[in-house]
Amino acid sequence: MNNTALTQMEQPFQQQCQMIAEFNVMHRRQILDYSKAFLDKVFPLDRGSHQDVQSYVMYYQHLLVFFADGSQTGLQNPAQLVAFGGAEEKPQSLLLCDHGRHVELLFCRASSDDNAGISDILLQLSDGQWFSMLRGNTAPAACVSPAQYSPCFRDLQGGFYQPQ
């Protein structure tokens, strides 16, 4: 086979790969939209939707979310925020709680298609496992430092927080 024949064979393959990649992006977007609708239902904002949030920050002991137009709001029920990980101005994770069940929002702008940088949303299951809404699988216990086996969540008073 000469180079021309190989190039002609590669073009349909590359087009198929491109189509599959586009479908994967659309699928991830649909899953993220569904997950944010879940957040809107269980952890509603005082105004607006999690769909439109550009960033989540901690402001003193409250969650403050910013929209593209520069406006901001917080949770309709501020007591649902129980802990966070990382820096207040750019948290790596937020831990929300509704009726004893925790939900963790994980942030990683480098690997996220989301405007707010959400890389995953984990739901606490009754057996101590966590379910990833974006990956569709279970995960071990929430954020724990493997070196010290200590939780990496800080409660709103600055102490450590471990989901029960």
N, C-alpha and C. Protein backbone atom coordinates (compact mmCIF):
# COMPACT_ATOMS: atom_id res chain seq x y z
N MET A 1 0.83 -1.19 0.00
CA MET A 1 0.00 0.00 0.00
C MET A 1 0.87 1.25 0.00
N ASN A 2 0.48 2.22 -0.80
CA ASN A 2 1.25 3.46 -0.83
C ASN A 2 0.67 4.47 0.15
N ASN A 3 1.34 5.58 0.33
CA ASN A 3 0.92 6.61 1.28
C ASN A 3 -0.43 7.20 0.94
N THR A 4 -0.76 7.34 -0.33
CA THR A 4 -2.05 7.90 -0.74
C THR A 4 -3.19 6.99 -0.30
N ALA A 5 -3.01 5.69 -0.47
CA ALA A 5 -4.05 4.73 -0.07
C ALA A 5 -4.23 4.75 1.44
N LEU A 6 -3.13 4.83 2.19
CA LEU A 6 -3.22 4.89 3.65
C LEU A 6 -3.94 6.16 4.11
N THR A 7 -3.61 7.27 3.48
CA THR A 7 -4.25 8.54 3.82
C THR A 7 -5.75 8.48 3.55
N GLN A 8 -6.14 7.87 2.44
CA GLN A 8 -7.56 7.75 2.11
C GLN A 8 -8.28 6.86 3.12
N MET A 9 -7.60 5.85 3.63
CA MET A 9 -8.21 4.97 4.64
C MET A 9 -8.32 5.68 5.99
N GLU A 10 -7.35 6.53 6.31
CA GLU A 10 -7.34 7.21 7.60
C GLU A 10 -8.41 8.28 7.71
N GLN A 11 -8.74 8.93 6.61
CA GLN A 11 -9.70 10.04 6.66
C GLN A 11 -11.06 9.62 7.22
N PRO A 12 -11.69 8.52 6.73
CA PRO A 12 -12.98 8.13 7.34
C PRO A 12 -12.83 7.76 8.82
N PHE A 13 -11.71 7.12 9.17
CA PHE A 13 -11.47 6.75 10.56
C PHE A 13 -11.36 8.00 11.42
N GLN A 14 -10.62 9.00 10.97
CA GLN A 14 -10.48 10.25 11.71
C GLN A 14 -11.81 10.98 11.83
N GLN A 15 -12.61 10.92 10.79
CA GLN A 15 -13.94 11.56 10.83
C GLN A 15 -14.82 10.85 11.85
N GLN A 16 -14.76 9.52 11.90
CA GLN A 16 -15.54 8.77 12.88
C GLN A 16 -15.08 9.10 14.30
N CYS A 17 -13.77 9.19 14.50
CA CYS A 17 -13.25 9.54 15.82
C CYS A 17 -13.73 10.92 16.23
N GLN A 18 -13.72 11.86 15.32
CA GLN A 18 -14.19 13.22 15.61
C GLN A 18 -15.67 13.21 15.99
N MET A 19 -16.48 12.42 15.24
CA MET A 19 -17.91 12.33 15.54
C MET A 19 -18.14 11.75 16.93
N ILE A 20 -17.39 10.70 17.27
CA ILE A 20 -17.53 10.06 18.59
C ILE A 20 -17.14 11.05 19.68
N ALA A 21 -16.07 11.79 19.48
CA ALA A 21 -15.64 12.80 20.46
C ALA A 21 -16.72 13.85 20.66
N GLU A 22 -17.36 14.30 19.58
CA GLU A 22 -18.43 15.29 19.68
C GLU A 22 -19.63 14.72 20.43
N PHE A 23 -19.98 13.44 20.17
CA PHE A 23 -21.08 12.81 20.90
C PHE A 23 -20.76 12.70 22.38
N ASN A 24 -19.50 12.37 22.71
CA ASN A 24 -19.10 12.28 24.12
C ASN A 24 -19.24 13.62 24.82
N VAL A 25 -18.85 14.69 24.16
CA VAL A 25 -18.99 16.03 24.75
C VAL A 25 -20.47 16.34 24.97
N MET A 26 -21.31 16.04 23.99
CA MET A 26 -22.76 16.30 24.14
C MET A 26 -23.33 15.46 25.28
N HIS A 27 -22.91 14.20 25.39
CA HIS A 27 -23.40 13.31 26.45
C HIS A 27 -22.99 13.84 27.82
N ARG A 28 -21.71 14.24 27.98
CA ARG A 28 -21.25 14.81 29.25
C ARG A 28 -22.05 16.07 29.60
N ARG A 29 -22.36 16.89 28.60
CA ARG A 29 -23.13 18.11 28.83
C ARG A 29 -24.54 17.77 29.32
N GLN A 30 -25.16 16.75 28.73
CA GLN A 30 -26.50 16.32 29.16
C GLN A 30 -26.48 15.82 30.60
N ILE A 31 -25.47 15.03 30.94
CA ILE A 31 -25.36 14.51 32.30
C ILE A 31 -25.14 15.66 33.29
N LEU A 32 -24.29 16.61 32.93
CA LEU A 32 -24.04 17.77 33.80
C LEU A 32 -25.31 18.61 33.95
N ASP A 33 -26.07 18.80 32.87
CA ASP A 33 -27.32 19.55 32.95
C ASP A 33 -28.31 18.84 33.89
N TYR A 34 -28.42 17.51 33.78
CA TYR A 34 -29.31 16.74 34.65
C TYR A 34 -28.86 16.88 36.11
N SER A 35 -27.55 16.79 36.34
CA SER A 35 -27.01 16.87 37.70
C SER A 35 -27.25 18.25 38.31
N LYS A 36 -27.13 19.29 37.50
CA LYS A 36 -27.38 20.64 38.01
C LYS A 36 -28.87 20.86 38.26
N ALA A 37 -29.74 20.21 37.48
CA ALA A 37 -31.18 20.27 37.76
C ALA A 37 -31.46 19.62 39.12
N PHE A 38 -30.74 18.54 39.42
CA PHE A 38 -30.85 17.90 40.74
C PHE A 38 -30.44 18.90 41.83
N LEU A 39 -29.32 19.62 41.62
CA LEU A 39 -28.89 20.63 42.59
C LEU A 39 -29.95 21.71 42.75
N ASP A 40 -30.55 22.15 41.65
CA ASP A 40 -31.61 23.17 41.72
C ASP A 40 -32.80 22.69 42.55
N LYS A 41 -33.09 21.41 42.47
CA LYS A 41 -34.24 20.86 43.20
C LYS A 41 -33.93 20.66 44.69
N VAL A 42 -32.77 20.10 44.99
CA VAL A 42 -32.44 19.73 46.37
C VAL A 42 -31.71 20.85 47.13
N PHE A 43 -30.89 21.62 46.41
CA PHE A 43 -30.11 22.70 47.02
C PHE A 43 -30.35 23.98 46.21
N PRO A 44 -31.59 24.48 46.19
CA PRO A 44 -31.90 25.64 45.34
C PRO A 44 -31.16 26.90 45.79
N LEU A 45 -30.87 27.72 44.80
CA LEU A 45 -30.27 29.02 45.07
C LEU A 45 -31.39 30.00 45.43
N ASP A 46 -31.03 31.04 46.14
CA ASP A 46 -32.00 32.07 46.49
C ASP A 46 -32.57 32.72 45.23
N ARG A 47 -31.73 32.81 44.22
CA ARG A 47 -32.14 33.38 42.94
C ARG A 47 -31.32 32.70 41.84
N GLY A 48 -31.94 32.35 40.73
CA GLY A 48 -31.22 31.77 39.61
C GLY A 48 -31.07 30.27 39.72
N SER A 49 -30.21 29.73 38.86
CA SER A 49 -30.04 28.29 38.73
C SER A 49 -28.56 27.91 38.77
N HIS A 50 -28.29 26.72 39.27
CA HIS A 50 -26.92 26.20 39.24
C HIS A 50 -26.42 26.08 37.80
N GLN A 51 -27.34 25.95 36.84
CA GLN A 51 -26.98 25.86 35.42
C GLN A 51 -26.19 27.09 34.98
N ASP A 52 -26.48 28.25 35.56
CA ASP A 52 -25.92 29.52 35.09
C ASP A 52 -24.77 30.04 35.94
N VAL A 53 -24.37 29.29 36.95
CA VAL A 53 -23.32 29.74 37.86
C VAL A 53 -21.96 29.72 37.15
N GLN A 54 -21.20 30.79 37.35
CA GLN A 54 -19.85 30.90 36.79
C GLN A 54 -18.78 30.56 37.82
N SER A 55 -19.07 30.79 39.10
CA SER A 55 -18.10 30.43 40.14
C SER A 55 -18.80 30.31 41.49
N TYR A 56 -18.25 29.43 42.31
CA TYR A 56 -18.69 29.21 43.68
C TYR A 56 -17.54 29.65 44.60
N VAL A 57 -17.83 30.48 45.59
CA VAL A 57 -16.82 30.91 46.55
C VAL A 57 -17.41 30.88 47.95
N MET A 58 -16.52 30.78 48.93
CA MET A 58 -16.93 30.90 50.32
C MET A 58 -16.77 32.36 50.71
N TYR A 59 -17.79 32.91 51.34
CA TYR A 59 -17.72 34.29 51.83
C TYR A 59 -18.09 34.25 53.29
N TYR A 60 -17.09 34.39 54.13
CA TYR A 60 -17.21 34.18 55.56
C TYR A 60 -17.76 32.77 55.76
N GLN A 61 -18.93 32.59 56.28
CA GLN A 61 -19.44 31.23 56.50
C GLN A 61 -20.60 30.91 55.55
N HIS A 62 -20.62 31.54 54.40
CA HIS A 62 -21.71 31.36 53.45
C HIS A 62 -21.18 31.02 52.06
N LEU A 63 -21.99 30.31 51.31
CA LEU A 63 -21.69 30.03 49.92
C LEU A 63 -22.20 31.19 49.08
N LEU A 64 -21.34 31.73 48.26
CA LEU A 64 -21.71 32.83 47.37
C LEU A 64 -21.44 32.36 45.95
N VAL A 65 -22.45 32.46 45.08
CA VAL A 65 -22.28 32.05 43.68
C VAL A 65 -22.40 33.28 42.79
N PHE A 66 -21.58 33.29 41.75
CA PHE A 66 -21.57 34.42 40.82
C PHE A 66 -22.07 33.97 39.45
N PHE A 67 -22.79 34.88 38.79
CA PHE A 67 -23.32 34.63 37.45
C PHE A 67 -22.51 35.44 36.43
N ALA A 68 -22.72 35.16 35.16
CA ALA A 68 -21.96 35.82 34.09
C ALA A 68 -22.13 37.33 34.10
N ASP A 69 -23.29 37.83 34.52
CA ASP A 69 -23.52 39.28 34.52
C ASP A 69 -22.94 39.98 35.75
N GLY A 70 -22.24 39.21 36.61
CA GLY A 70 -21.62 39.78 37.80
C GLY A 70 -22.50 39.74 39.04
N SER A 71 -23.78 39.41 38.86
CA SER A 71 -24.66 39.32 40.03
C SER A 71 -24.31 38.07 40.83
N GLN A 72 -24.74 38.04 42.10
CA GLN A 72 -24.45 36.90 42.96
C GLN A 72 -25.65 36.59 43.83
N THR A 73 -25.62 35.39 44.36
CA THR A 73 -26.66 34.94 45.28
C THR A 73 -26.06 33.83 46.13
N GLY A 74 -26.89 33.25 46.98
CA GLY A 74 -26.45 32.14 47.83
C GLY A 74 -27.50 31.05 47.82
N LEU A 75 -27.33 30.08 48.69
CA LEU A 75 -28.31 29.02 48.81
C LEU A 75 -29.60 29.56 49.43
N GLN A 76 -30.72 29.04 48.99
CA GLN A 76 -32.00 29.41 49.58
C GLN A 76 -32.01 29.04 51.06
N ASN A 77 -31.40 27.91 51.39
CA ASN A 77 -31.25 27.47 52.77
C ASN A 77 -29.75 27.40 53.09
N PRO A 78 -29.15 28.48 53.59
CA PRO A 78 -27.70 28.52 53.82
C PRO A 78 -27.19 27.40 54.73
N ALA A 79 -28.04 26.85 55.60
CA ALA A 79 -27.61 25.78 56.51
C ALA A 79 -27.27 24.49 55.77
N GLN A 80 -27.63 24.38 54.49
CA GLN A 80 -27.31 23.17 53.73
C GLN A 80 -25.82 23.07 53.41
N LEU A 81 -25.10 24.16 53.45
CA LEU A 81 -23.65 24.12 53.28
C LEU A 81 -23.05 23.74 54.63
N VAL A 82 -22.34 22.61 54.69
CA VAL A 82 -21.79 22.16 55.97
C VAL A 82 -20.27 22.20 56.03
N ALA A 83 -19.59 22.16 54.86
CA ALA A 83 -18.14 22.15 54.88
C ALA A 83 -17.60 22.42 53.48
N PHE A 84 -16.30 22.66 53.43
CA PHE A 84 -15.65 22.87 52.13
C PHE A 84 -14.20 22.42 52.23
N GLY A 85 -13.57 22.25 51.08
CA GLY A 85 -12.15 21.91 51.02
C GLY A 85 -11.45 22.90 50.11
N GLY A 86 -10.22 23.22 50.44
CA GLY A 86 -9.46 24.16 49.62
C GLY A 86 -9.58 25.58 50.13
N ALA A 87 -9.22 26.52 49.28
CA ALA A 87 -9.24 27.93 49.65
C ALA A 87 -10.64 28.51 49.55
N GLU A 88 -10.95 29.45 50.41
CA GLU A 88 -12.29 30.04 50.44
C GLU A 88 -12.64 30.71 49.12
N GLU A 89 -11.67 31.41 48.52
CA GLU A 89 -11.96 32.13 47.28
C GLU A 89 -12.02 31.21 46.06
N LYS A 90 -11.51 29.99 46.19
CA LYS A 90 -11.52 29.03 45.09
C LYS A 90 -11.57 27.62 45.66
N PRO A 91 -12.72 27.21 46.21
CA PRO A 91 -12.78 25.90 46.87
C PRO A 91 -12.54 24.76 45.88
N GLN A 92 -11.92 23.68 46.39
CA GLN A 92 -11.74 22.46 45.60
C GLN A 92 -12.97 21.57 45.73
N SER A 93 -13.69 21.75 46.83
CA SER A 93 -14.91 20.97 47.03
C SER A 93 -15.84 21.72 47.98
N LEU A 94 -17.13 21.46 47.80
CA LEU A 94 -18.16 21.97 48.70
C LEU A 94 -18.97 20.78 49.16
N LEU A 95 -19.29 20.74 50.44
CA LEU A 95 -20.08 19.65 50.98
C LEU A 95 -21.42 20.21 51.43
N LEU A 96 -22.47 19.73 50.78
CA LEU A 96 -23.83 20.15 51.09
C LEU A 96 -24.54 18.99 51.78
N CYS A 97 -25.58 19.30 52.56
CA CYS A 97 -26.30 18.25 53.27
C CYS A 97 -27.79 18.56 53.25
N ASP A 98 -28.58 17.55 52.90
CA ASP A 98 -30.03 17.66 52.90
C ASP A 98 -30.60 16.45 53.62
N HIS A 99 -31.26 16.68 54.76
CA HIS A 99 -31.86 15.60 55.55
C HIS A 99 -30.86 14.48 55.85
N GLY A 100 -29.64 14.86 56.23
CA GLY A 100 -28.63 13.88 56.63
C GLY A 100 -27.87 13.23 55.49
N ARG A 101 -28.21 13.51 54.26
CA ARG A 101 -27.51 12.94 53.10
C ARG A 101 -26.62 13.99 52.47
N HIS A 102 -25.34 13.67 52.34
CA HIS A 102 -24.36 14.63 51.83
C HIS A 102 -24.22 14.56 50.30
N VAL A 103 -23.90 15.69 49.73
CA VAL A 103 -23.57 15.81 48.30
C VAL A 103 -22.31 16.66 48.23
N GLU A 104 -21.30 16.16 47.51
CA GLU A 104 -20.04 16.88 47.38
C GLU A 104 -19.89 17.37 45.94
N LEU A 105 -19.63 18.66 45.79
CA LEU A 105 -19.30 19.24 44.50
C LEU A 105 -17.79 19.34 44.43
N LEU A 106 -17.19 18.73 43.41
CA LEU A 106 -15.75 18.78 43.21
C LEU A 106 -15.43 19.74 42.07
N PHE A 107 -14.38 20.51 42.24
CA PHE A 107 -14.00 21.51 41.24
C PHE A 107 -12.60 21.24 40.73
N CYS A 108 -12.45 21.32 39.43
CA CYS A 108 -11.15 21.26 38.78
C CYS A 108 -11.30 21.92 37.42
N ARG A 109 -10.99 23.19 37.36
CA ARG A 109 -11.17 23.95 36.12
C ARG A 109 -10.39 23.35 34.95
N ALA A 110 -9.23 22.76 35.22
CA ALA A 110 -8.39 22.24 34.14
C ALA A 110 -9.04 21.07 33.40
N SER A 111 -9.86 20.28 34.09
CA SER A 111 -10.42 19.08 33.45
C SER A 111 -11.94 19.13 33.37
N SER A 112 -12.52 20.31 33.42
CA SER A 112 -13.97 20.43 33.44
C SER A 112 -14.48 21.19 32.22
N ASP A 113 -15.61 20.72 31.69
CA ASP A 113 -16.29 21.41 30.59
C ASP A 113 -17.27 22.44 31.14
N ASP A 114 -17.38 22.52 32.45
CA ASP A 114 -18.37 23.37 33.10
C ASP A 114 -17.84 24.78 33.34
N ASN A 115 -18.70 25.78 33.14
CA ASN A 115 -18.29 27.18 33.36
C ASN A 115 -17.83 27.43 34.78
N ALA A 116 -18.45 26.77 35.75
CA ALA A 116 -18.09 26.96 37.16
C ALA A 116 -16.94 26.04 37.59
N GLY A 117 -16.51 25.17 36.70
CA GLY A 117 -15.39 24.28 37.02
C GLY A 117 -15.78 23.01 37.76
N ILE A 118 -17.08 22.66 37.79
CA ILE A 118 -17.49 21.43 38.46
C ILE A 118 -16.95 20.24 37.66
N SER A 119 -16.16 19.40 38.35
CA SER A 119 -15.62 18.21 37.69
C SER A 119 -16.40 16.96 38.07
N ASP A 120 -17.10 17.00 39.20
CA ASP A 120 -17.94 15.86 39.60
C ASP A 120 -18.91 16.29 40.69
N ILE A 121 -19.98 15.52 40.81
CA ILE A 121 -20.96 15.70 41.88
C ILE A 121 -21.16 14.32 42.48
N LEU A 122 -20.81 14.18 43.76
CA LEU A 122 -20.88 12.89 44.44
C LEU A 122 -22.04 12.87 45.42
N LEU A 123 -22.81 11.78 45.37
CA LEU A 123 -23.94 11.58 46.30
C LEU A 123 -23.54 10.54 47.33
N GLN A 124 -23.78 10.84 48.59
CA GLN A 124 -23.48 9.89 49.67
C GLN A 124 -24.55 8.80 49.66
N LEU A 125 -24.10 7.55 49.65
CA LEU A 125 -25.00 6.41 49.72
C LEU A 125 -25.08 5.93 51.16
N SER A 126 -26.06 5.12 51.46
CA SER A 126 -26.27 4.68 52.85
C SER A 126 -25.17 3.76 53.35
N ASP A 127 -24.42 3.11 52.47
CA ASP A 127 -23.39 2.17 52.90
C ASP A 127 -22.00 2.81 53.06
N GLY A 128 -21.95 4.14 53.05
CA GLY A 128 -20.67 4.83 53.20
C GLY A 128 -19.96 5.09 51.88
N GLN A 129 -20.46 4.50 50.82
CA GLN A 129 -19.89 4.75 49.49
C GLN A 129 -20.46 6.06 48.95
N TRP A 130 -19.87 6.53 47.87
CA TRP A 130 -20.32 7.74 47.19
C TRP A 130 -20.56 7.41 45.73
N PHE A 131 -21.62 7.97 45.16
CA PHE A 131 -21.96 7.74 43.75
C PHE A 131 -21.63 8.98 42.94
N SER A 132 -20.87 8.79 41.88
CA SER A 132 -20.52 9.89 40.99
C SER A 132 -21.63 10.10 39.97
N MET A 133 -22.28 11.26 40.03
CA MET A 133 -23.35 11.55 39.07
C MET A 133 -22.79 11.74 37.66
N LEU A 134 -21.56 12.19 37.54
CA LEU A 134 -21.00 12.46 36.21
C LEU A 134 -20.31 11.25 35.60
N ARG A 135 -19.70 10.41 36.42
CA ARG A 135 -19.03 9.21 35.89
C ARG A 135 -19.95 7.99 35.94
N GLY A 136 -20.97 8.03 36.80
CA GLY A 136 -21.91 6.92 36.87
C GLY A 136 -21.39 5.70 37.60
N ASN A 137 -20.46 5.88 38.53
CA ASN A 137 -19.95 4.75 39.30
C ASN A 137 -19.84 5.12 40.78
N THR A 138 -19.57 4.10 41.60
CA THR A 138 -19.40 4.37 43.02
C THR A 138 -17.94 4.65 43.31
N ALA A 139 -17.72 5.37 44.39
CA ALA A 139 -16.37 5.76 44.80
C ALA A 139 -16.25 5.50 46.29
N PRO A 140 -15.02 5.38 46.80
CA PRO A 140 -14.84 5.21 48.24
C PRO A 140 -15.24 6.47 49.00
N ALA A 141 -15.04 6.45 50.28
CA ALA A 141 -15.42 7.56 51.15
C ALA A 141 -14.96 8.90 50.61
N ALA A 142 -15.62 9.93 51.03
CA ALA A 142 -15.32 11.29 50.57
C ALA A 142 -13.90 11.68 50.88
N CYS A 143 -13.50 12.79 50.37
CA CYS A 143 -12.16 13.35 50.42
C CYS A 143 -11.45 13.09 51.75
N VAL A 144 -10.46 12.22 51.73
CA VAL A 144 -9.68 11.91 52.93
C VAL A 144 -8.21 11.95 52.54
N SER A 145 -7.40 12.59 53.33
CA SER A 145 -5.96 12.67 53.08
C SER A 145 -5.34 11.31 53.35
N PRO A 146 -4.79 10.63 52.32
CA PRO A 146 -4.25 9.28 52.54
C PRO A 146 -3.04 9.27 53.48
N ALA A 147 -2.30 10.36 53.53
CA ALA A 147 -1.10 10.40 54.38
C ALA A 147 -1.46 10.38 55.86
N GLN A 148 -2.50 11.11 56.23
CA GLN A 148 -2.82 11.23 57.65
C GLN A 148 -4.17 10.62 58.00
N TYR A 149 -4.89 10.13 57.00
CA TYR A 149 -6.23 9.58 57.21
C TYR A 149 -7.11 10.57 57.95
N SER A 150 -6.96 11.83 57.59
CA SER A 150 -7.79 12.86 58.21
C SER A 150 -8.65 13.51 57.14
N PRO A 151 -9.84 13.93 57.48
CA PRO A 151 -10.71 14.53 56.48
C PRO A 151 -10.15 15.85 55.97
N CYS A 152 -10.40 16.13 54.72
CA CYS A 152 -9.89 17.38 54.17
C CYS A 152 -11.00 18.43 54.09
N PHE A 153 -12.13 18.18 54.75
CA PHE A 153 -13.20 19.17 54.81
C PHE A 153 -13.02 20.02 56.05
N ARG A 154 -13.28 21.31 55.90
CA ARG A 154 -13.32 22.21 57.05
C ARG A 154 -14.76 22.61 57.26
N ASP A 155 -15.20 22.55 58.50
CA ASP A 155 -16.56 23.03 58.77
C ASP A 155 -16.52 24.56 58.75
N LEU A 156 -17.65 25.17 58.90
CA LEU A 156 -17.74 26.62 58.74
C LEU A 156 -17.09 27.39 59.88
N GLN A 157 -16.74 26.69 60.97
CA GLN A 157 -16.04 27.33 62.08
C GLN A 157 -14.53 27.09 62.00
N GLY A 158 -14.07 26.38 60.97
CA GLY A 158 -12.65 26.16 60.78
C GLY A 158 -12.13 24.82 61.25
N GLY A 159 -12.97 24.02 61.89
CA GLY A 159 -12.55 22.69 62.34
C GLY A 159 -12.70 21.65 61.24
N PHE A 160 -12.27 20.42 61.53
CA PHE A 160 -12.42 19.34 60.56
C PHE A 160 -13.86 18.84 60.55
N TYR A 161 -14.30 18.38 59.39
CA TYR A 161 -15.65 17.85 59.24
C TYR A 161 -15.56 16.51 58.54
N GLN A 162 -16.19 15.50 59.10
CA GLN A 162 -16.23 14.17 58.49
C GLN A 162 -17.70 13.80 58.27
N PRO A 163 -18.11 13.57 57.01
CA PRO A 163 -19.50 13.15 56.76
C PRO A 163 -19.79 11.83 57.46
N GLN A 164 -20.94 11.76 58.10
CA GLN A 164 -21.34 10.54 58.80
C GLN A 164 -22.22 9.69 57.93
